[in-house]
Amino acid sequence: MSIRVMLVDDQVLLRTGFRMVLAAQPDMEVVAEAGDGVEALEALRATEVDVVLMDVRMPKLDGVEATRRICEREGAPKVLILTTFDLDEYAFSALKAGAGGFMLKDVPPGELLAAIRAVHSGDAVVAPSTTRRLLDRFAPMLPGAGGGAGTAGTGGAARPELGRLTEREREVMMLVAQGLSNGEIAARLVLSEATVKTHVGRILTKLELRDRVQVVVMAYESGLIRAGGPRA
């Protein structure tokens, strides 16, 4: 079954280029397009969509607010943010709003297609190193990131839901937040990648989060990790 994609961008030429790339794929189809967030929300009422490619800077309703409204819906499609500038503060806000990741608009076609497939399957598509740089830059904007919190015991009381995690799950969460991939976490903790993936899945379920990007955001918000903090 094809991945149903909606393109949301106020630049018609960009949408045309993305549509041509996606149309050449046997497992993808563009089912809707919109020039701003308002049009996107209207289109979603009439069309079933799996993945939304969302621009952030648009008239009427920007991509951040559109993403927030989309992700609040039950059974919402995945949102992949497209931005012009690396580490754009708009992209950070969109990740907090529920987006599954972000990519630059000049990304090579192969990487864009891989990202769409990854988001559709439930993975986040912000590379671990990019996630860390993103959060290190914008963590001061987070409500729980002040005060130089940097240890596992500092922020837990502020977020009672972290008490649902086992000691091992908390350890895995810390490593996810520090930008380590599942393979790197497995090597660090002497576990199999499958076991790490299971732990990450349980963390998402217990904390009611959409993906590992939001795990990173919560870790910074709660003070488990501080901006610019060293890797454990």
Foldseek 3Di string as FASTA:
>chain_A
DAAEEEEEALDPVLVVVLQVLQVVDPRYHHDYYYNALVVVVVVVVPDDHAEYEAEADGPPHGRLVSLLVQVVDVPGHAYEYEYQDQLPVSQVSSVVSAHLEYDYSPDPSVLVVVCSVQVSVQARSQQLVSLLVSCLVCLVVAQQQPDQQAAQPPQCVVPVLVVVADPVLSVLLLQLLNRDDLVRVCVVVVHDSVVSVVSQVVVCVSVVGRYSSVSNVVCNNRSNHHRPDDRD
